[in-house]
Amino acid sequence: MKSMHPRPSSIVAALYTARDLKVDVSILHGPSGCSFKHARLLEEDGMRVLTTSLADNEFIFGGQNPLEEVLRYAEDNFSPERMAVIGTCVAMIIGEDLQSAIDGAGITTPTIAVDIHAGYPENIAGVLRTLEAAEEAGWITAEEMTRQRYMMEKANEVERLRGAACKAYIEPSRGDLKHLAAERLLGLVRSGKKGVAILNAKKETAYMFSDPLIALHDVCPRADITYIANLDQRGLPKVRADAGRILGEMTSRGVDPLLLGALDEYGANGEALGKILAEIRPDFALITGVPHAIPPEYTEGIECFSITNGPRQVEPLRDLGHRHVMVEVDLHPKTLGVSAIVESEFGAVLRSLP
């Protein structure tokens, strides 16, 4: 069944993966407006995004010359250590040879060509195409490529089974009122109930999804709560660095979580998290990031407080039996270009309650 609500683009996924590989300049070979919003946001994260600005003339006669010009411009003006050329729907339709342009530009910067378009049913195609090019260039090992492929398959599986791709159309929602959920959560904690607080976040979103766990510890430092976080330092360069920074800040603020999984393993962590829940048997669980990774048989009977940044994830989480579902609006833009934990709305509410 195809989704009839908008889904992430494989072109954008390729851009984010290039960033995680520490690419300094990515060049979108297509119209100037292609992936505009994400390209602008990624520049906040330190990667320059240029475009060949293909227009009607290039649609007919081809765009190899403009691409070679932009490649030379990027090398001359930004002195990058790595570059990536990212294809678009236009480049695919008119049959552009990205590697030929890289070879013909006369540049010396290590540069990969990512032949991609937005017509794939799953956006992980953009991730895998970029990583395959990186493996061929020697930027990642064959072992890491195998690991990444598995992680992407598990993330895709979670979205199809219990996420925003589980129905043809999902009505967007802002979720529950945060102050009501926070009051209920604090009531459970202060009555002596046993709890678990889980960070299972995707990559840089952990800069904000970690904050509710810290806020809960701030207001109830001696509560019976087990903290768990997917902050093992594995994966691509930026992902590892982010995990180290977030874990360091969490521990400095009093939260010493059990580590389970890495920031790119959010889709594969569900079964292991579920088994920990089965062992602890908590009365409640605060779950941030990708709560739906945990199979529903493990959360049955637990009062779940789940925090997502996807308005179309609210309905699926409620269908899974999560009683309280909150949305951190505009979380992703707020976690680009940062190197320290960002306060969440839910965390701010928790800290404000008497």
Protein backbone atom coordinates (compact mmCIF):
# COMPACT_ATOMS: atom_id res chain seq x y z
CA MET A 1 0.00 0.00 0.00
CA LYS A 2 1.43 3.37 -1.01
CA SER A 3 1.40 6.32 1.36
CA MET A 4 -0.82 9.17 0.29
CA HIS A 5 0.74 11.67 2.67
CA PRO A 6 4.16 13.20 1.95
CA ARG A 7 7.15 11.05 2.86
CA PRO A 8 10.88 11.87 3.15
CA SER A 9 12.87 12.29 -0.06
CA SER A 10 15.77 10.05 -1.06
CA ILE A 11 17.60 13.13 -2.38
CA VAL A 12 17.42 14.74 1.05
CA ALA A 13 18.51 11.47 2.66
CA ALA A 14 21.58 11.49 0.42
CA LEU A 15 22.41 15.04 1.53
CA TYR A 16 22.17 14.14 5.22
CA THR A 17 24.33 11.06 4.69
CA ALA A 18 26.96 13.15 2.93
CA ARG A 19 26.99 15.44 5.95
CA ASP A 20 27.46 12.46 8.28
CA LEU A 21 30.46 11.42 6.15
CA LYS A 22 32.04 14.83 6.87
CA VAL A 23 31.59 16.06 3.29
CA ASP A 24 32.40 19.78 3.21
CA VAL A 25 30.54 20.66 0.00
CA SER A 26 27.59 18.88 -1.61
CA ILE A 27 26.46 19.91 -5.06
CA LEU A 28 22.87 19.28 -6.06
CA HIS A 29 22.82 18.72 -9.82
CA GLY A 30 19.38 20.03 -10.62
CA PRO A 31 17.06 23.06 -10.44
CA SER A 32 17.88 25.72 -7.86
CA GLY A 33 14.71 25.00 -5.88
CA CYS A 34 15.31 21.27 -5.47
CA SER A 35 15.41 20.34 -1.75
CA PHE A 36 15.74 24.03 -0.92
CA LYS A 37 14.58 23.87 2.70
CA HIS A 38 16.82 20.97 3.70
CA ALA A 39 19.80 22.36 1.79
CA ARG A 40 19.47 25.62 3.72
CA LEU A 41 19.16 23.78 7.05
CA LEU A 42 22.18 21.61 6.32
CA GLU A 43 24.30 24.70 5.77
CA GLU A 44 23.50 25.49 9.43
CA ASP A 45 25.20 22.18 10.19
CA GLY A 46 28.48 23.14 8.54
CA MET A 47 28.13 21.57 5.10
CA ARG A 48 27.92 23.96 2.14
CA VAL A 49 25.23 23.01 -0.36
CA LEU A 50 25.59 24.37 -3.89
CA THR A 51 23.36 23.85 -6.89
CA THR A 52 23.97 23.78 -10.61
CA SER A 53 20.64 25.61 -11.04
CA LEU A 54 19.60 23.66 -14.12
CA ALA A 55 16.88 25.37 -16.13
CA ASP A 56 14.97 24.75 -19.36
CA ASN A 57 18.02 25.18 -21.59
CA GLU A 58 19.99 22.50 -19.71
CA PHE A 59 16.93 20.24 -19.68
CA ILE A 60 17.39 20.04 -23.44
CA PHE A 61 21.15 20.30 -24.02
CA GLY A 62 22.47 18.75 -20.79
CA GLY A 63 24.17 20.12 -17.71
CA GLN A 64 27.67 18.66 -17.65
CA ASN A 65 29.39 22.00 -18.26
CA PRO A 66 27.53 23.79 -15.42
CA LEU A 67 28.38 20.91 -13.09
CA GLU A 68 32.08 21.06 -13.97
CA GLU A 69 32.04 24.82 -13.38
CA VAL A 70 30.44 24.46 -9.95
CA LEU A 71 32.92 21.73 -8.98
CA ARG A 72 35.84 23.99 -9.86
CA TYR A 73 34.23 26.93 -8.06
CA ALA A 74 33.72 24.85 -4.92
CA GLU A 75 37.33 23.65 -4.87
CA ASP A 76 38.77 27.10 -5.54
CA ASN A 77 36.64 28.99 -3.04
CA PHE A 78 36.10 26.58 -0.13
CA SER A 79 39.20 24.32 -0.12
CA PRO A 80 37.09 21.28 0.84
CA GLU A 81 38.54 17.99 2.01
CA ARG A 82 35.61 16.01 0.58
CA MET A 83 32.82 16.76 -1.89
CA ALA A 84 29.74 14.95 -3.13
CA VAL A 85 27.65 15.45 -6.25
CA ILE A 86 24.03 14.53 -5.53
CA GLY A 87 21.72 13.74 -8.42
CA THR A 88 18.11 14.86 -8.73
CA CYS A 89 15.05 13.83 -10.72
CA VAL A 90 16.05 16.18 -13.55
CA ALA A 91 19.58 14.77 -13.73
CA MET A 92 18.18 11.24 -13.88
CA ILE A 93 15.58 12.02 -16.55
CA ILE A 94 18.02 13.73 -18.91
CA GLY A 95 20.65 11.03 -18.32
CA GLU A 96 23.46 13.04 -16.74
CA ASP A 97 26.76 11.25 -16.11
CA LEU A 98 27.86 12.67 -12.76
CA GLN A 99 31.14 10.78 -12.59
CA SER A 100 32.12 11.99 -16.05
CA ALA A 101 31.67 15.58 -14.93
CA ILE A 102 33.78 14.97 -11.82
CA ASP A 103 36.52 13.43 -13.97
CA GLY A 104 36.32 16.25 -16.50
CA ALA A 105 36.37 19.13 -14.01
CA GLY A 106 40.08 18.83 -13.31
CA ILE A 107 39.64 18.94 -9.54
CA THR A 108 41.84 17.16 -6.99
CA THR A 109 39.39 17.06 -4.05
CA PRO A 110 38.12 13.52 -3.27
CA THR A 111 34.57 13.59 -4.65
CA ILE A 112 31.83 10.98 -4.88
CA ALA A 113 28.94 10.83 -7.34
CA VAL A 114 25.54 9.84 -5.97
CA ASP A 115 23.08 8.93 -8.72
CA ILE A 116 19.74 9.42 -6.98
CA HIS A 117 16.26 10.80 -7.55
CA ALA A 118 13.10 11.22 -5.49
CA GLY A 119 11.13 8.48 -7.18
CA TYR A 120 12.15 5.65 -4.86
CA PRO A 121 9.36 4.35 -2.62
CA GLU A 122 11.73 4.42 0.38
CA ASN A 123 14.04 7.29 1.23
CA ILE A 124 16.73 4.90 2.48
CA ALA A 125 17.72 4.53 -1.18
CA GLY A 126 19.43 7.91 -0.85
CA VAL A 127 21.35 6.74 2.20
CA LEU A 128 22.47 3.50 0.61
CA ARG A 129 23.48 5.06 -2.73
CA THR A 130 25.64 7.59 -0.88
CA LEU A 131 27.23 4.95 1.33
CA GLU A 132 27.91 2.68 -1.64
CA ALA A 133 29.76 5.53 -3.34
CA ALA A 134 31.63 6.21 -0.09
CA GLU A 135 32.65 2.57 0.21
CA GLU A 136 33.92 2.56 -3.37
CA ALA A 137 35.96 5.66 -2.59
CA GLY A 138 37.43 4.04 0.53
CA TRP A 139 35.69 6.43 2.94
CA ILE A 140 34.00 3.59 4.83
CA THR A 141 34.81 -0.10 5.20
CA ALA A 142 32.87 -3.01 3.75
CA GLU A 143 31.96 -3.99 7.32
CA GLU A 144 30.46 -0.57 8.00
CA MET A 145 28.54 -0.74 4.72
CA THR A 146 27.03 -4.07 5.76
CA ARG A 147 26.12 -2.66 9.17
CA GLN A 148 24.54 0.44 7.65
CA ARG A 149 22.49 -1.62 5.22
CA TYR A 150 21.10 -3.66 8.12
CA MET A 151 20.32 -0.53 10.16
CA MET A 152 18.44 1.01 7.24
CA GLU A 153 16.43 -2.14 6.67
CA LYS A 154 15.42 -2.24 10.34
CA ALA A 155 14.48 1.44 10.36
CA ASN A 156 12.37 0.89 7.26
CA GLU A 157 10.70 -2.14 8.81
CA VAL A 158 9.71 -0.18 11.91
CA GLU A 159 8.19 2.62 9.82
CA ARG A 160 6.18 0.17 7.72
CA LEU A 161 4.93 -1.83 10.69
CA ARG A 162 4.27 0.84 13.32
CA GLY A 163 5.36 4.21 11.97
CA ALA A 164 4.31 6.92 9.56
CA ALA A 165 4.27 4.45 6.63
CA CYS A 166 1.92 1.95 8.29
CA LYS A 167 -1.24 3.45 6.74
CA ALA A 168 -2.13 4.99 3.40
CA TYR A 169 -3.04 8.27 5.08
CA ILE A 170 -2.44 9.43 8.65
CA GLU A 171 -3.99 12.60 9.99
CA PRO A 172 -1.31 14.89 11.46
CA SER A 173 -1.70 15.77 15.14
CA ARG A 174 0.10 17.88 17.72
CA GLY A 175 -0.57 15.19 20.33
CA ASP A 176 -1.51 15.64 23.98
CA LEU A 177 -1.14 18.81 26.03
CA LYS A 178 2.32 18.68 27.53
CA HIS A 179 1.43 20.16 30.90
CA LEU A 180 -1.26 17.54 31.53
CA ALA A 181 1.08 14.70 30.61
CA ALA A 182 3.87 16.21 32.73
CA GLU A 183 1.56 16.53 35.75
CA ARG A 184 0.54 12.89 35.41
CA LEU A 185 4.17 11.76 35.01
CA LEU A 186 5.30 13.64 38.10
CA GLY A 187 2.34 12.26 40.02
CA LEU A 188 3.45 8.72 39.26
CA VAL A 189 7.07 9.44 40.15
CA ARG A 190 6.26 11.17 43.42
CA SER A 191 3.91 8.38 44.48
CA GLY A 192 6.84 5.97 44.38
CA LYS A 193 6.04 4.16 41.14
CA LYS A 194 8.86 2.44 39.29
CA GLY A 195 9.81 3.94 35.94
CA VAL A 196 12.05 3.71 32.91
CA ALA A 197 13.23 6.69 30.84
CA ILE A 198 14.43 5.78 27.35
CA LEU A 199 16.27 7.80 24.72
CA ASN A 200 15.97 6.00 21.37
CA ALA A 201 16.61 8.85 18.99
CA LYS A 202 17.71 9.23 15.40
CA LYS A 203 21.10 10.88 15.01
CA GLU A 204 21.19 14.62 15.80
CA THR A 205 17.58 14.69 17.07
CA ALA A 206 19.06 13.29 20.30
CA TYR A 207 20.30 16.79 21.11
CA MET A 208 16.71 17.59 22.10
CA PHE A 209 15.21 14.15 22.77
CA SER A 210 17.74 13.67 25.58
CA ASP A 211 16.44 16.75 27.41
CA PRO A 212 13.21 15.22 28.83
CA LEU A 213 15.31 12.54 30.55
CA ILE A 214 17.53 15.20 32.10
CA ALA A 215 14.48 17.25 33.10
CA LEU A 216 12.91 14.26 34.81
CA HIS A 217 16.13 13.72 36.75
CA ASP A 218 16.31 17.44 37.56
CA VAL A 219 12.91 17.45 39.26
CA CYS A 220 13.05 13.94 40.75
CA PRO A 221 16.74 13.06 41.25
CA ARG A 222 16.12 10.24 43.75
CA ALA A 223 13.19 8.58 41.98
CA ASP A 224 13.10 4.88 41.12
CA ILE A 225 13.87 5.38 37.43
CA THR A 226 16.20 3.43 35.14
CA TYR A 227 17.69 5.59 32.38
CA ILE A 228 18.60 4.06 29.01
CA ALA A 229 20.09 5.80 25.95
CA ASN A 230 21.23 4.79 22.46
CA LEU A 231 24.54 6.63 22.78
CA ASP A 232 27.08 3.93 21.95
CA GLN A 233 29.73 5.51 19.74
CA ARG A 234 29.39 3.62 16.47
CA GLY A 235 28.57 4.73 12.96
CA LEU A 236 29.62 7.52 10.62
CA PRO A 237 31.95 10.28 11.86
CA LYS A 238 29.34 12.91 12.79
CA VAL A 239 27.07 10.33 14.43
CA ARG A 240 29.87 9.12 16.68
CA ALA A 241 30.85 12.65 17.64
CA ASP A 242 27.26 13.62 18.47
CA ALA A 243 26.83 10.56 20.69
CA GLY A 244 29.98 11.39 22.63
CA ARG A 245 28.98 15.00 23.21
CA ILE A 246 25.43 14.16 24.29
CA LEU A 247 26.52 11.39 26.65
CA GLY A 248 29.15 13.64 28.19
CA GLU A 249 26.61 16.38 28.86
CA MET A 250 24.02 13.95 30.23
CA THR A 251 26.46 12.47 32.72
CA SER A 252 27.71 15.91 33.75
CA ARG A 253 24.10 16.80 34.56
CA GLY A 254 23.58 13.75 36.72
CA VAL A 255 22.11 11.19 34.32
CA ASP A 256 24.25 8.08 33.88
CA PRO A 257 22.24 5.96 31.43
CA LEU A 258 22.57 2.33 30.52
CA LEU A 259 23.87 2.38 26.94
CA LEU A 260 21.96 0.38 24.37
CA GLY A 261 22.61 0.90 20.68
CA ALA A 262 23.99 3.80 18.67
CA LEU A 263 22.28 6.88 17.25
CA ASP A 264 21.85 5.21 13.86
CA GLU A 265 20.51 1.98 15.41
CA TYR A 266 17.17 3.39 16.61
CA GLY A 267 15.24 1.06 14.31
CA ALA A 268 17.08 -2.05 15.48
CA ASN A 269 16.94 -1.34 19.22
CA GLY A 270 13.29 -2.22 19.80
CA GLU A 271 13.59 -5.88 20.74
CA ALA A 272 16.48 -5.29 23.15
CA LEU A 273 14.67 -2.36 24.77
CA GLY A 274 11.56 -4.49 25.08
CA LYS A 275 13.47 -7.23 26.88
CA ILE A 276 14.81 -4.71 29.38
CA LEU A 277 11.26 -3.50 30.00
CA ALA A 278 10.19 -7.10 30.56
CA GLU A 279 12.96 -7.55 33.13
CA ILE A 280 12.35 -4.30 35.02
CA ARG A 281 8.53 -4.41 34.76
CA PRO A 282 8.08 -0.66 35.33
CA ASP A 283 4.79 1.05 36.08
CA PHE A 284 5.53 3.79 33.56
CA ALA A 285 7.95 4.58 30.74
CA LEU A 286 9.08 7.88 29.27
CA ILE A 287 10.23 7.11 25.70
CA THR A 288 11.69 9.79 23.42
CA GLY A 289 12.73 9.76 19.77
CA VAL A 290 11.40 6.65 18.06
CA PRO A 291 9.09 5.05 20.66
CA HIS A 292 7.41 2.85 18.06
CA ALA A 293 10.62 0.86 17.59
CA ILE A 294 9.61 -1.13 20.69
CA PRO A 295 7.19 -3.95 19.77
CA PRO A 296 3.80 -3.44 21.47
CA GLU A 297 3.89 -6.71 23.40
CA TYR A 298 6.64 -5.21 25.58
CA THR A 299 4.78 -1.99 26.43
CA GLU A 300 1.45 -3.64 27.23
CA GLY A 301 0.42 -2.77 30.78
CA ILE A 302 2.97 0.06 31.04
CA GLU A 303 1.75 3.66 31.12
CA CYS A 304 3.78 5.13 28.28
CA PHE A 305 4.68 8.81 27.89
CA SER A 306 6.01 8.98 24.34
CA ILE A 307 7.62 11.98 22.68
CA THR A 308 8.07 12.20 18.92
CA ASN A 309 8.77 15.00 16.45
CA GLY A 310 6.39 13.58 13.83
CA PRO A 311 2.79 14.83 13.78
CA ARG A 312 1.89 11.73 11.75
CA GLN A 313 3.38 9.46 14.42
CA VAL A 314 0.77 10.38 17.03
CA GLU A 315 -2.02 8.18 15.66
CA PRO A 316 0.16 5.07 15.24
CA LEU A 317 1.51 5.43 18.79
CA ARG A 318 -1.99 5.71 20.19
CA ASP A 319 -2.97 2.64 18.19
CA LEU A 320 -0.08 0.84 19.93
CA GLY A 321 -1.58 1.71 23.32
CA HIS A 322 0.74 4.57 24.32
CA ARG A 323 -1.46 6.61 26.63
CA HIS A 324 0.33 9.96 26.42
CA VAL A 325 1.82 11.09 23.09
CA MET A 326 3.52 14.47 22.71
CA VAL A 327 5.04 16.17 19.68
CA GLU A 328 8.11 18.39 19.83
CA VAL A 329 7.28 20.75 16.98
CA ASP A 330 10.19 21.90 14.76
CA LEU A 331 12.61 19.71 16.70
CA HIS A 332 14.78 18.84 13.71
CA PRO A 333 15.60 22.42 12.62
CA LYS A 334 16.46 23.22 16.25
CA THR A 335 18.98 20.38 16.45
CA LEU A 336 20.95 21.21 13.30
CA GLY A 337 24.22 23.02 13.77
CA VAL A 338 24.29 22.49 17.54
CA SER A 339 26.86 20.86 19.78
CA ALA A 340 25.02 20.95 23.11
CA ILE A 341 21.71 19.63 24.37
CA VAL A 342 18.71 21.82 23.44
CA GLU A 343 15.85 22.29 25.91
CA SER A 344 12.62 20.62 24.81
CA GLU A 345 9.11 21.94 25.37
CA PHE A 346 8.26 18.91 27.51
CA GLY A 347 11.44 19.33 29.54
CA ALA A 348 10.69 23.00 30.12
CA VAL A 349 7.18 22.12 31.30
CA LEU A 350 8.50 19.47 33.69
CA ARG A 351 10.96 21.92 35.19
CA SER A 352 8.25 24.56 35.63
CA LEU A 353 5.88 22.41 37.67
CA PRO A 354 5.89 22.78 41.46
